[in-house]
Amino acid sequence: MVVQKFKDMLSAKSVIRELSVKATQRGKEIGYDNVFDYSLGNPSVPVPKKFHDVIKRLLDETDPLMLHGYSESHGIAEVRQAVAESLARRFDIPYTMDDIFMTSGAAGAMAHAVRAIANPGEDIITFAPYFPEYNHYVGGAGVNLKVVPADTTSFQINFEAFEAMLSENTAAVLINTPNNPSGIVYSTETIQKLADILKKKSAENGRDIYIISDEPYREIVFEGVDSPCVSKFYDNTIVCYSFSKSLSLPGERIGYVAVNPACEDAETIVHMCTQISRGTGHNCPSSVIQLAVAEMLEETAELSVYETNMNILYEELTKLGFEIVKPGGTFYMFPKALEEDAKVFCEKALKYDLVLVPADSFGCPGFFRIAYCVQTEKVKRSIEAFRKFVETEYHK
């Protein structure tokens, strides 16, 4: 007999993926260039040419037995060393290779981080709006995900609700800044206050509460935006990183866990990850891709287009009457829908070939997400579709 839990999940598929499929199907009818698909967070700028050059050189010049063989359980040693040196240089934290564990993207990193610091039945707290797959990353480990309601005026942390939710059963706090889906970057003031609360509560409970910092959008921060390094403020921080967004490599599934060397049990956590892999079937990401990203650690794709797209949409949509907290990074925007039910709102938008994601599953009913990782000329063309949608459906 099949496992009922996963069978039940078939009736609760990702709304993002389902809308992306609809956009593709509509594109076959009218041409995909005429579908304003803001559903999926798939980078729209190409990987840097240097990455292709590195891959070619590795294939041409490296012993194939080494290049395509198993890596050590923690990841390739020289890659981990390079990651640690880059982080230490950039953030002034004394990482070593013993603090780094290579993973299949940020999702793989979180699968390990959650299992390393939270026992089944314990709680991990996150903040709405949040990426809905957290339910599976955390729940799949038998851990409870508790969601703090959003402060919709700023999308910074709702500290009053957060402190009320903290308990002796809290193992960790899961944060995502820059944030998917809001595009908001937690300020230094926010991170400092979070750290102060966790230090105090950890002392009261007689146990350490960890921060799991989900950072795949770390490099996509707009001009002048305050974007603090979480690990500088709180010792017990475990970073989950992915190169998917910074280098436009989502299909390569490559990232890492970085344990703050000042973290409680830091010397043990990365080694624990090798054993967690045995139970999750992780068993190391691609050796070729590990070696390639090791030469790209402080490079990015041409990310400035996302700020360009954001500014266009923010200016034009606010003119149309949308309430939006201006994003500070990522390639997401999180407007309030023009009616109470965002699902109905997004269904209506489909008639105008606007593919928008209702935010109920992100923990914020009444809002919707725009993933503006599309070509700028298409963003500009979509404004007329938005205008027609708003005028026709809402008489504005």
Foldseek 3Di string as FASTA:
>chain_A
DDDVVVVVCVVVDDLLVVLVVVLVVVCVVVNSLQFAAQRDQFFQFAFDPVLVVLLVCCVVPPDVCVQFDADPLQANQVLLQLLQVVCCVVAVFNGGSLQKGKFQALLRALLQVLLLFAAQPFEEEEEFLADLCVCCSNVVRNYHYHYQYAPVVARQHPVVSVVVPDDLRAREYEYEAVGPAALAGHAPVSLLVVQVSQVVVCVVSVHHYAYEYEYAFVPFFDPPDHHDDSCVRHQRYKYRYGLCAFRVPNVQRITMIGHRPSHVCSSPSSVVSSVSCVVVVGRDGRSSVSVSCSVCVPHGGPNVVLVVLQVVCVVLVVVLPWDWNRRRTDNKTKTFAPDQAVVVSQVLLVVLSHHWAASVSSNDGRIIMGRRSHDSVSSVVCSVSVNCSCCVVPVD
